[in-house]
PDB file of N, CA and C in Angstrom:
ATOM      1  N   MET A   1     -56.946  49.906  -7.370  1.00  0.00           N
ATOM      2  CA  MET A   1     -56.918  50.767  -7.586  1.00  0.00           C
ATOM      3  C   MET A   1     -55.295  50.745  -7.794  1.00  0.00           C
ATOM      4  N   LYS A   2     -54.357  51.988  -7.936  1.00  0.00           N
ATOM      5  CA  LYS A   2     -53.051  51.612  -7.623  1.00  0.00           C
ATOM      6  C   LYS A   2     -52.654  52.394  -6.244  1.00  0.00           C
ATOM      7  N   ARG A   3     -51.607  51.394  -5.868  1.00  0.00           N
ATOM      8  CA  ARG A   3     -51.021  52.329  -4.443  1.00  0.00           C
ATOM      9  C   ARG A   3     -49.149  52.215  -5.073  1.00  0.00           C
ATOM     10  N   LEU A   4     -48.806  53.652  -4.589  1.00  0.00           N
ATOM     11  CA  LEU A   4     -47.293  53.557  -5.036  1.00  0.00           C
ATOM     12  C   LEU A   4     -46.421  54.416  -4.105  1.00  0.00           C
ATOM     13  N   MET A   5     -44.888  54.024  -3.787  1.00  0.00           N
ATOM     14  CA  MET A   5     -44.870  54.881  -2.575  1.00  0.00           C
ATOM     15  C   MET A   5     -43.318  55.031  -3.174  1.00  0.00           C
ATOM     16  N   VAL A   6     -43.000  56.444  -3.096  1.00  0.00           N
ATOM     17  CA  VAL A   6     -41.968  57.557  -4.406  1.00  0.00           C
ATOM     18  C   VAL A   6     -41.021  58.123  -3.195  1.00  0.00           C
ATOM     19  N   ARG A   7     -40.056  57.724  -2.883  1.00  0.00           N
ATOM     20  CA  ARG A   7     -38.936  58.122  -1.734  1.00  0.00           C
ATOM     21  C   ARG A   7     -37.775  58.301  -2.505  1.00  0.00           C
ATOM     22  N   TYR A   8     -37.270  59.776  -1.707  1.00  0.00           N
ATOM     23  CA  TYR A   8     -36.245  60.301  -1.701  1.00  0.00           C
ATOM     24  C   TYR A   8     -35.252  61.443  -2.259  1.00  0.00           C
ATOM     25  N   LYS A   9     -34.364  61.433  -1.791  1.00  0.00           N
ATOM     26  CA  LYS A   9     -33.332  62.293  -0.834  1.00  0.00           C
ATOM     27  C   LYS A   9     -32.909  63.869  -1.663  1.00  0.00           C
ATOM     28  N   VAL A  10     -33.039  64.894  -1.720  1.00  0.00           N
ATOM     29  CA  VAL A  10     -32.870  65.896  -2.160  1.00  0.00           C
ATOM     30  C   VAL A  10     -31.974  66.416  -1.649  1.00  0.00           C
ATOM     31  N   LYS A  11     -30.302  67.440  -2.357  1.00  0.00           N
ATOM     32  CA  LYS A  11     -29.570  68.514  -1.975  1.00  0.00           C
ATOM     33  C   LYS A  11     -30.475  69.250  -0.705  1.00  0.00           C
ATOM     34  N   ALA A  12     -29.418  69.305   0.050  1.00  0.00           N
ATOM     35  CA  ALA A  12     -29.938  70.732   1.240  1.00  0.00           C
ATOM     36  C   ALA A  12     -30.286  71.731   0.763  1.00  0.00           C
ATOM     37  N   ASP A  13     -29.285  72.234  -0.054  1.00  0.00           N
ATOM     38  CA  ASP A  13     -29.885  73.497  -0.385  1.00  0.00           C
ATOM     39  C   ASP A  13     -30.740  73.525  -1.714  1.00  0.00           C
ATOM     40  N   ARG A  14     -31.553  72.762  -2.245  1.00  0.00           N
ATOM     41  CA  ARG A  14     -32.935  72.295  -3.045  1.00  0.00           C
ATOM     42  C   ARG A  14     -33.877  71.804  -1.676  1.00  0.00           C
ATOM     43  N   ALA A  15     -33.679  71.823  -0.472  1.00  0.00           N
ATOM     44  CA  ALA A  15     -34.712  71.558   0.307  1.00  0.00           C
ATOM     45  C   ALA A  15     -36.565  71.675  -0.149  1.00  0.00           C
ATOM     46  N   ALA A  16     -35.973  73.527   0.619  1.00  0.00           N
ATOM     47  CA  ALA A  16     -36.525  73.995   0.447  1.00  0.00           C
ATOM     48  C   ALA A  16     -37.923  73.916  -0.834  1.00  0.00           C
ATOM     49  N   GLU A  17     -36.848  75.115  -2.167  1.00  0.00           N
ATOM     50  CA  GLU A  17     -37.647  74.274  -3.104  1.00  0.00           C
ATOM     51  C   GLU A  17     -38.740  73.684  -3.423  1.00  0.00           C
ATOM     52  N   ASN A  18     -38.254  71.949  -2.802  1.00  0.00           N
ATOM     53  CA  ASN A  18     -38.463  71.193  -3.030  1.00  0.00           C
ATOM     54  C   ASN A  18     -40.090  70.895  -2.915  1.00  0.00           C
ATOM     55  N   GLU A  19     -40.220  71.835  -1.400  1.00  0.00           N
ATOM     56  CA  GLU A  19     -41.733  71.601   0.050  1.00  0.00           C
ATOM     57  C   GLU A  19     -42.505  72.708  -1.191  1.00  0.00           C
ATOM     58  N   GLY A  20     -41.995  73.553  -2.150  1.00  0.00           N
ATOM     59  CA  GLY A  20     -42.361  74.494  -2.858  1.00  0.00           C
ATOM     60  C   GLY A  20     -43.424  73.575  -3.537  1.00  0.00           C
ATOM     61  N   LEU A  21     -42.532  72.950  -4.198  1.00  0.00           N
ATOM     62  CA  LEU A  21     -43.474  72.484  -6.174  1.00  0.00           C
ATOM     63  C   LEU A  21     -44.256  72.022  -5.307  1.00  0.00           C
ATOM     64  N   ILE A  22     -44.287  71.273  -3.855  1.00  0.00           N
ATOM     65  CA  ILE A  22     -44.258  70.503  -3.000  1.00  0.00           C
ATOM     66  C   ILE A  22     -46.361  70.660  -3.169  1.00  0.00           C
ATOM     67  N   GLY A  23     -46.320  72.297  -1.940  1.00  0.00           N
ATOM     68  CA  GLY A  23     -46.668  72.968  -1.737  1.00  0.00           C
ATOM     69  C   GLY A  23     -47.811  72.871  -2.756  1.00  0.00           C
ATOM     70  N   LYS A  24     -47.730  73.855  -3.839  1.00  0.00           N
ATOM     71  CA  LYS A  24     -48.100  73.779  -5.106  1.00  0.00           C
ATOM     72  C   LYS A  24     -49.325  72.953  -6.302  1.00  0.00           C
ATOM     73  N   VAL A  25     -48.211  71.441  -6.064  1.00  0.00           N
ATOM     74  CA  VAL A  25     -49.129  70.384  -6.335  1.00  0.00           C
ATOM     75  C   VAL A  25     -50.708  70.078  -5.259  1.00  0.00           C
ATOM     76  N   PHE A  26     -50.204  70.229  -3.884  1.00  0.00           N
ATOM     77  CA  PHE A  26     -51.574  70.433  -3.193  1.00  0.00           C
ATOM     78  C   PHE A  26     -52.119  71.567  -3.291  1.00  0.00           C
ATOM     79  N   GLU A  27     -52.138  72.590  -4.098  1.00  0.00           N
ATOM     80  CA  GLU A  27     -52.890  73.885  -3.846  1.00  0.00           C
ATOM     81  C   GLU A  27     -53.537  73.373  -5.634  1.00  0.00           C
ATOM     82  N   GLN A  28     -52.908  73.238  -5.984  1.00  0.00           N
ATOM     83  CA  GLN A  28     -53.837  72.802  -8.039  1.00  0.00           C
ATOM     84  C   GLN A  28     -54.353  71.415  -7.386  1.00  0.00           C
ATOM     85  N   LEU A  29     -54.493  70.830  -6.139  1.00  0.00           N
ATOM     86  CA  LEU A  29     -55.438  69.545  -5.914  1.00  0.00           C
ATOM     87  C   LEU A  29     -56.572  69.947  -5.204  1.00  0.00           C
ATOM     88  N   LYS A  30     -56.591  71.184  -4.409  1.00  0.00           N
ATOM     89  CA  LYS A  30     -57.832  71.420  -4.067  1.00  0.00           C
ATOM     90  C   LYS A  30     -58.725  72.314  -4.424  1.00  0.00           C
ATOM     91  N   THR A  31     -57.455  72.746  -6.054  1.00  0.00           N
ATOM     92  CA  THR A  31     -59.123  73.529  -6.927  1.00  0.00           C
ATOM     93  C   THR A  31     -59.257  72.802  -7.670  1.00  0.00           C
ATOM     94  N   GLU A  32     -59.013  71.888  -8.366  1.00  0.00           N
ATOM     95  CA  GLU A  32     -59.953  71.004  -9.568  1.00  0.00           C
ATOM     96  C   GLU A  32     -59.781  69.798  -8.665  1.00  0.00           C
ATOM     97  N   LYS A  33     -59.749  69.675  -7.964  1.00  0.00           N
ATOM     98  CA  LYS A  33     -60.700  68.384  -7.073  1.00  0.00           C
ATOM     99  C   LYS A  33     -60.498  67.001  -7.572  1.00  0.00           C
ATOM    100  N   LEU A  34     -59.271  66.176  -7.577  1.00  0.00           N
ATOM    101  CA  LEU A  34     -59.661  64.717  -8.562  1.00  0.00           C
ATOM    102  C   LEU A  34     -60.490  64.442  -7.599  1.00  0.00           C
ATOM    103  N   SER A  35     -60.906  63.237  -8.476  1.00  0.00           N
ATOM    104  CA  SER A  35     -62.070  62.469  -7.923  1.00  0.00           C
ATOM    105  C   SER A  35     -61.365  60.843  -8.237  1.00  0.00           C
ATOM    106  N   GLY A  36     -61.221  60.312  -6.988  1.00  0.00           N
ATOM    107  CA  GLY A  36     -60.289  59.264  -7.354  1.00  0.00           C
ATOM    108  C   GLY A  36     -58.780  59.127  -7.143  1.00  0.00           C
ATOM    109  N   VAL A  37     -58.730  59.745  -6.576  1.00  0.00           N
ATOM    110  CA  VAL A  37     -56.738  60.577  -6.006  1.00  0.00           C
ATOM    111  C   VAL A  37     -56.702  60.763  -4.737  1.00  0.00           C
ATOM    112  N   ARG A  38     -55.961  59.460  -3.552  1.00  0.00           N
ATOM    113  CA  ARG A  38     -55.601  59.919  -2.355  1.00  0.00           C
ATOM    114  C   ARG A  38     -53.610  60.815  -2.775  1.00  0.00           C
ATOM    115  N   TYR A  39     -53.335  61.258  -1.664  1.00  0.00           N
ATOM    116  CA  TYR A  39     -52.138  61.741  -2.562  1.00  0.00           C
ATOM    117  C   TYR A  39     -52.081  62.505  -1.121  1.00  0.00           C
ATOM    118  N   ALA A  40     -50.235  61.599  -0.436  1.00  0.00           N
ATOM    119  CA  ALA A  40     -49.944  62.822  -0.010  1.00  0.00           C
ATOM    120  C   ALA A  40     -48.404  62.708   0.991  1.00  0.00           C
ATOM    121  N   SER A  41     -47.773  63.267   1.219  1.00  0.00           N
ATOM    122  CA  SER A  41     -46.406  63.746   0.892  1.00  0.00           C
ATOM    123  C   SER A  41     -45.286  64.098   1.877  1.00  0.00           C
ATOM    124  N   PHE A  42     -44.654  63.746   2.518  1.00  0.00           N
ATOM    125  CA  PHE A  42     -43.991  63.928   3.712  1.00  0.00           C
ATOM    126  C   PHE A  42     -42.798  63.803   3.805  1.00  0.00           C
ATOM    127  N   LYS A  43     -41.850  64.809   4.263  1.00  0.00           N
ATOM    128  CA  LYS A  43     -40.740  64.887   4.672  1.00  0.00           C
ATOM    129  C   LYS A  43     -39.964  64.687   5.856  1.00  0.00           C
ATOM    130  N   LEU A  44     -39.062  63.345   5.777  1.00  0.00           N
ATOM    131  CA  LEU A  44     -38.301  63.064   7.076  1.00  0.00           C
ATOM    132  C   LEU A  44     -37.868  63.780   7.588  1.00  0.00           C
ATOM    133  N   ASP A  45     -37.431  63.580   9.251  1.00  0.00           N
ATOM    134  CA  ASP A  45     -37.254  63.856  10.084  1.00  0.00           C
ATOM    135  C   ASP A  45     -35.454  64.496   9.971  1.00  0.00           C
ATOM    136  N   ASP A  46     -35.019  64.723   8.828  1.00  0.00           N
ATOM    137  CA  ASP A  46     -33.291  64.235   8.369  1.00  0.00           C
ATOM    138  C   ASP A  46     -33.594  66.298   7.667  1.00  0.00           C
ATOM    139  N   GLY A  47     -34.877  66.320   7.598  1.00  0.00           N
ATOM    140  CA  GLY A  47     -35.031  67.467   6.455  1.00  0.00           C
ATOM    141  C   GLY A  47     -35.139  67.391   4.463  1.00  0.00           C
ATOM    142  N   VAL A  48     -34.717  66.683   4.797  1.00  0.00           N
ATOM    143  CA  VAL A  48     -34.124  66.456   2.913  1.00  0.00           C
ATOM    144  C   VAL A  48     -34.626  65.315   2.309  1.00  0.00           C
ATOM    145  N   SER A  49     -34.887  63.970   2.965  1.00  0.00           N
ATOM    146  CA  SER A  49     -35.270  63.087   2.529  1.00  0.00           C
ATOM    147  C   SER A  49     -37.076  63.664   2.338  1.00  0.00           C
ATOM    148  N   PHE A  50     -37.991  62.949   0.998  1.00  0.00           N
ATOM    149  CA  PHE A  50     -39.256  63.117   1.208  1.00  0.00           C
ATOM    150  C   PHE A  50     -39.685  61.693   0.295  1.00  0.00           C
ATOM    151  N   VAL A  51     -40.973  61.531   1.151  1.00  0.00           N
ATOM    152  CA  VAL A  51     -42.102  60.336   0.973  1.00  0.00           C
ATOM    153  C   VAL A  51     -43.487  60.776   0.416  1.00  0.00           C
ATOM    154  N   HIS A  52     -43.957  59.967  -0.369  1.00  0.00           N
ATOM    155  CA  HIS A  52     -45.313  60.220  -1.669  1.00  0.00           C
ATOM    156  C   HIS A  52     -45.673  58.936  -0.576  1.00  0.00           C
ATOM    157  N   ILE A  53     -46.348  58.903  -0.888  1.00  0.00           N
ATOM    158  CA  ILE A  53     -47.867  57.872  -1.287  1.00  0.00           C
ATOM    159  C   ILE A  53     -49.245  58.178  -2.334  1.00  0.00           C
ATOM    160  N   ALA A  54     -49.280  57.541  -2.851  1.00  0.00           N
ATOM    161  CA  ALA A  54     -49.837  57.541  -3.847  1.00  0.00           C
ATOM    162  C   ALA A  54     -51.579  56.842  -4.158  1.00  0.00           C
ATOM    163  N   SER A  55     -52.133  57.111  -3.796  1.00  0.00           N
ATOM    164  CA  SER A  55     -53.811  56.069  -4.283  1.00  0.00           C
ATOM    165  C   SER A  55     -54.229  56.683  -5.615  1.00  0.00           C
ATOM    166  N   ILE A  56     -54.572  56.006  -6.403  1.00  0.00           N
ATOM    167  CA  ILE A  56     -54.435  55.823  -7.444  1.00  0.00           C
ATOM    168  C   ILE A  56     -56.499  55.509  -8.888  1.00  0.00           C
ATOM    169  N   GLU A  57     -57.852  55.576  -8.255  1.00  0.00           N
ATOM    170  CA  GLU A  57     -58.848  54.598  -8.655  1.00  0.00           C
ATOM    171  C   GLU A  57     -59.710  54.931 -10.017  1.00  0.00           C
ATOM    172  N   THR A  58     -59.140  54.359 -10.756  1.00  0.00           N
ATOM    173  CA  THR A  58     -59.372  54.974 -12.251  1.00  0.00           C
ATOM    174  C   THR A  58     -59.728  53.346 -13.076  1.00  0.00           C
ATOM    175  N   THR A  59     -60.724  53.489 -14.245  1.00  0.00           N
ATOM    176  CA  THR A  59     -61.692  52.330 -14.562  1.00  0.00           C
ATOM    177  C   THR A  59     -59.876  52.035 -15.827  1.00  0.00           C
ATOM    178  N   ASP A  60     -59.459  52.697 -16.111  1.00  0.00           N
ATOM    179  CA  ASP A  60     -58.657  53.007 -16.920  1.00  0.00           C
ATOM    180  C   ASP A  60     -56.919  52.737 -16.682  1.00  0.00           C
ATOM    181  N   GLY A  61     -56.706  53.241 -15.895  1.00  0.00           N
ATOM    182  CA  GLY A  61     -55.383  52.611 -15.717  1.00  0.00           C
ATOM    183  C   GLY A  61     -54.711  54.012 -16.070  1.00  0.00           C
ATOM    184  N   SER A  62     -54.973  54.983 -15.949  1.00  0.00           N
ATOM    185  CA  SER A  62     -54.705  56.820 -16.523  1.00  0.00           C
ATOM    186  C   SER A  62     -53.918  57.418 -14.720  1.00  0.00           C
ATOM    187  N   ASN A  63     -53.187  58.172 -15.163  1.00  0.00           N
ATOM    188  CA  ASN A  63     -53.323  58.747 -13.424  1.00  0.00           C
ATOM    189  C   ASN A  63     -53.071  60.582 -13.904  1.00  0.00           C
ATOM    190  N   PRO A  64     -53.927  60.749 -13.467  1.00  0.00           N
ATOM    191  CA  PRO A  64     -55.298  61.746 -13.188  1.00  0.00           C
ATOM    192  C   PRO A  64     -53.947  62.953 -12.467  1.00  0.00           C
ATOM    193  N   LEU A  65     -52.602  62.688 -11.476  1.00  0.00           N
ATOM    194  CA  LEU A  65     -52.289  63.425 -10.543  1.00  0.00           C
ATOM    195  C   LEU A  65     -50.861  63.682 -12.098  1.00  0.00           C
ATOM    196  N   ALA A  66     -50.461  62.505 -12.132  1.00  0.00           N
ATOM    197  CA  ALA A  66     -49.836  62.724 -13.527  1.00  0.00           C
ATOM    198  C   ALA A  66     -49.913  63.949 -14.183  1.00  0.00           C
ATOM    199  N   GLU A  67     -50.852  64.433 -14.738  1.00  0.00           N
ATOM    200  CA  GLU A  67     -51.722  65.448 -15.698  1.00  0.00           C
ATOM    201  C   GLU A  67     -52.127  66.512 -15.096  1.00  0.00           C
ATOM    202  N   LEU A  68     -51.981  66.935 -13.410  1.00  0.00           N
ATOM    203  CA  LEU A  68     -51.802  68.330 -13.746  1.00  0.00           C
ATOM    204  C   LEU A  68     -50.162  69.196 -13.805  1.00  0.00           C
ATOM    205  N   SER A  69     -50.147  70.930 -13.913  1.00  0.00           N
ATOM    206  CA  SER A  69     -49.395  70.997 -14.705  1.00  0.00           C
ATOM    207  C   SER A  69     -48.620  71.213 -13.106  1.00  0.00           C
ATOM    208  N   ALA A  70     -48.876  71.621 -12.096  1.00  0.00           N
ATOM    209  CA  ALA A  70     -47.639  71.532 -10.961  1.00  0.00           C
ATOM    210  C   ALA A  70     -47.192  70.520 -10.969  1.00  0.00           C
ATOM    211  N   PHE A  71     -47.789  69.081 -11.123  1.00  0.00           N
ATOM    212  CA  PHE A  71     -47.464  67.833 -10.715  1.00  0.00           C
ATOM    213  C   PHE A  71     -45.998  67.984 -11.733  1.00  0.00           C
ATOM    214  N   LYS A  72     -46.457  68.186 -12.946  1.00  0.00           N
ATOM    215  CA  LYS A  72     -45.430  68.294 -14.465  1.00  0.00           C
ATOM    216  C   LYS A  72     -44.103  69.247 -13.883  1.00  0.00           C
ATOM    217  N   ALA A  73     -44.260  69.945 -13.210  1.00  0.00           N
ATOM    218  CA  ALA A  73     -43.420  71.779 -12.695  1.00  0.00           C
ATOM    219  C   ALA A  73     -42.368  70.241 -11.863  1.00  0.00           C
ATOM    220  N   PHE A  74     -43.557  69.917 -10.201  1.00  0.00           N
ATOM    221  CA  PHE A  74     -42.697  69.191  -9.839  1.00  0.00           C
ATOM    222  C   PHE A  74     -41.167  68.261 -10.632  1.00  0.00           C
ATOM    223  N   ALA A  75     -42.439  67.798 -11.293  1.00  0.00           N
ATOM    224  CA  ALA A  75     -41.630  66.319 -11.544  1.00  0.00           C
ATOM    225  C   ALA A  75     -39.970  66.735 -12.594  1.00  0.00           C
ATOM    226  N   ALA A  76     -40.864  68.019 -13.430  1.00  0.00           N
ATOM    227  CA  ALA A  76     -39.358  67.757 -14.060  1.00  0.00           C
ATOM    228  C   ALA A  76     -38.058  67.905 -14.326  1.00  0.00           C
ATOM    229  N   GLN A  77     -37.807  68.483 -12.532  1.00  0.00           N
ATOM    230  CA  GLN A  77     -36.368  69.167 -12.300  1.00  0.00           C
ATOM    231  C   GLN A  77     -36.042  67.988 -11.437  1.00  0.00           C
ATOM    232  N   ILE A  78     -36.860  66.981 -11.032  1.00  0.00           N
ATOM    233  CA  ILE A  78     -36.502  65.882  -9.434  1.00  0.00           C
ATOM    234  C   ILE A  78     -34.911  65.667  -9.007  1.00  0.00           C
ATOM    235  N   LYS A  79     -34.418  65.164 -10.654  1.00  0.00           N
ATOM    236  CA  LYS A  79     -32.962  64.606 -10.868  1.00  0.00           C
ATOM    237  C   LYS A  79     -32.322  65.398 -10.733  1.00  0.00           C
ATOM    238  N   ASP A  80     -32.478  66.620 -10.531  1.00  0.00           N
ATOM    239  CA  ASP A  80     -31.373  67.671 -10.528  1.00  0.00           C
ATOM    240  C   ASP A  80     -31.607  68.636  -9.719  1.00  0.00           C
ATOM    241  N   ARG A  81     -32.246  67.944  -8.858  1.00  0.00           N
ATOM    242  CA  ARG A  81     -32.658  68.693  -7.054  1.00  0.00           C
ATOM    243  C   ARG A  81     -33.034  67.134  -5.891  1.00  0.00           C
ATOM    244  N   CYS A  82     -31.616  65.792  -6.384  1.00  0.00           N
ATOM    245  CA  CYS A  82     -31.761  65.222  -5.594  1.00  0.00           C
ATOM    246  C   CYS A  82     -30.497  65.089  -5.278  1.00  0.00           C
ATOM    247  N   GLU A  83     -29.893  63.746  -4.125  1.00  0.00           N
ATOM    248  CA  GLU A  83     -29.583  63.608  -3.808  1.00  0.00           C
ATOM    249  C   GLU A  83     -29.470  61.822  -3.863  1.00  0.00           C
ATOM    250  N   GLU A  84     -30.935  61.490  -3.807  1.00  0.00           N
ATOM    251  CA  GLU A  84     -30.185  60.062  -3.657  1.00  0.00           C
ATOM    252  C   GLU A  84     -32.032  60.216  -4.725  1.00  0.00           C
ATOM    253  N   PRO A  85     -32.048  59.243  -6.650  1.00  0.00           N
ATOM    254  CA  PRO A  85     -33.218  59.941  -7.091  1.00  0.00           C
ATOM    255  C   PRO A  85     -34.574  58.989  -6.025  1.00  0.00           C
ATOM    256  N   PRO A  86     -35.168  59.511  -6.452  1.00  0.00           N
ATOM    257  CA  PRO A  86     -36.718  58.458  -6.478  1.00  0.00           C
ATOM    258  C   PRO A  86     -36.602  57.236  -6.570  1.00  0.00           C
ATOM    259  N   VAL A  87     -37.334  56.760  -5.944  1.00  0.00           N
ATOM    260  CA  VAL A  87     -37.488  54.965  -6.609  1.00  0.00           C
ATOM    261  C   VAL A  87     -38.866  54.790  -5.671  1.00  0.00           C
ATOM    262  N   ALA A  88     -39.578  54.133  -6.980  1.00  0.00           N
ATOM    263  CA  ALA A  88     -41.153  53.633  -6.559  1.00  0.00           C
ATOM    264  C   ALA A  88     -40.790  52.660  -6.081  1.00  0.00           C
ATOM    265  N   VAL A  89     -42.032  52.309  -5.060  1.00  0.00           N
ATOM    266  CA  VAL A  89     -42.444  51.143  -5.104  1.00  0.00           C
ATOM    267  C   VAL A  89     -44.156  51.175  -5.389  1.00  0.00           C
ATOM    268  N   ASP A  90     -44.501  50.078  -5.176  1.00  0.00           N
ATOM    269  CA  ASP A  90     -45.637  49.674  -5.649  1.00  0.00           C
ATOM    270  C   ASP A  90     -46.175  48.954  -4.513  1.00  0.00           C
ATOM    271  N   LEU A  91     -47.417  49.490  -3.449  1.00  0.00           N
ATOM    272  CA  LEU A  91     -47.427  48.834  -2.962  1.00  0.00           C
ATOM    273  C   LEU A  91     -49.479  48.293  -2.432  1.00  0.00           C
ATOM    274  N   THR A  92     -49.149  46.446  -1.448  1.00  0.00           N
ATOM    275  CA  THR A  92     -50.567  45.960  -1.797  1.00  0.00           C
ATOM    276  C   THR A  92     -50.906  45.813  -0.336  1.00  0.00           C
ATOM    277  N   GLU A  93     -51.992  46.469  -0.299  1.00  0.00           N
ATOM    278  CA  GLU A  93     -52.907  47.026   0.919  1.00  0.00           C
ATOM    279  C   GLU A  93     -53.344  45.413   2.283  1.00  0.00           C
ATOM    280  N   VAL A  94     -52.085  45.203   2.563  1.00  0.00           N
ATOM    281  CA  VAL A  94     -52.491  44.469   4.197  1.00  0.00           C
ATOM    282  C   VAL A  94     -53.898  44.446   5.197  1.00  0.00           C
ATOM    283  N   GLY A  95     -53.362  46.259   5.180  1.00  0.00           N
ATOM    284  CA  GLY A  95     -55.067  46.432   6.247  1.00  0.00           C
ATOM    285  C   GLY A  95     -54.372  48.408   6.729  1.00  0.00           C
ATOM    286  N   SER A  96     -56.154  48.612   6.785  1.00  0.00           N
ATOM    287  CA  SER A  96     -55.606  50.273   6.583  1.00  0.00           C
ATOM    288  C   SER A  96     -56.422  50.774   7.971  1.00  0.00           C
ATOM    289  N   TYR A  97     -56.481  51.298   8.720  1.00  0.00           N
ATOM    290  CA  TYR A  97     -57.719  51.664   9.004  1.00  0.00           C
ATOM    291  C   TYR A  97     -57.829  53.280   9.820  1.00  0.00           C
ATOM    292  N   ARG A  98     -58.981  54.079   9.387  1.00  0.00           N
ATOM    293  CA  ARG A  98     -59.019  55.286  10.545  1.00  0.00           C
ATOM    294  C   ARG A  98     -61.065  55.603  10.261  1.00  0.00           C
ATOM    295  N   LEU A  99     -60.986  55.908  12.093  1.00  0.00           N
ATOM    296  CA  LEU A  99     -61.889  56.035  12.444  1.00  0.00           C
ATOM    297  C   LEU A  99     -62.395  58.072  11.989  1.00  0.00           C
ATOM    298  N   LEU A 100     -63.749  58.282  11.713  1.00  0.00           N
ATOM    299  CA  LEU A 100     -63.762  59.481  10.827  1.00  0.00           C
ATOM    300  C   LEU A 100     -64.963  59.765  11.907  1.00  0.00           C
ATOM    301  N   GLY A 101     -64.671  61.499  11.771  1.00  0.00           N
ATOM    302  CA  GLY A 101     -65.873  62.413  12.906  1.00  0.00           C
ATOM    303  C   GLY A 101     -65.149  61.799  14.509  1.00  0.00           C
ATOM    304  N   GLU A 102     -64.254  62.011  14.766  1.00  0.00           N
ATOM    305  CA  GLU A 102     -62.996  62.744  16.214  1.00  0.00           C
ATOM    306  C   GLU A 102     -62.407  63.546  16.209  1.00  0.00           C
TER     307      GLU A 102
END
């Protein structure tokens, strides 16, 4: 499993646009129901910094998230929207917890 965190800061006048593009990615994910993909996006308190966390489980090393048309649209002009460009970091899980059913 590959885990990745991406953090960046958009220009203040582009924050709503960025959030809208992220929303379209989640809409397409709900429609296509990609197997082996866990994806979350967060907006920080400053309203212009974003963090994305993805976990990808594929046997061939591909990233099905990157193949989504909505994700391609989101990524197409990300550098133009950014005040601070995206920085991607591979994550290694030390531990995690999730209690289901409560």
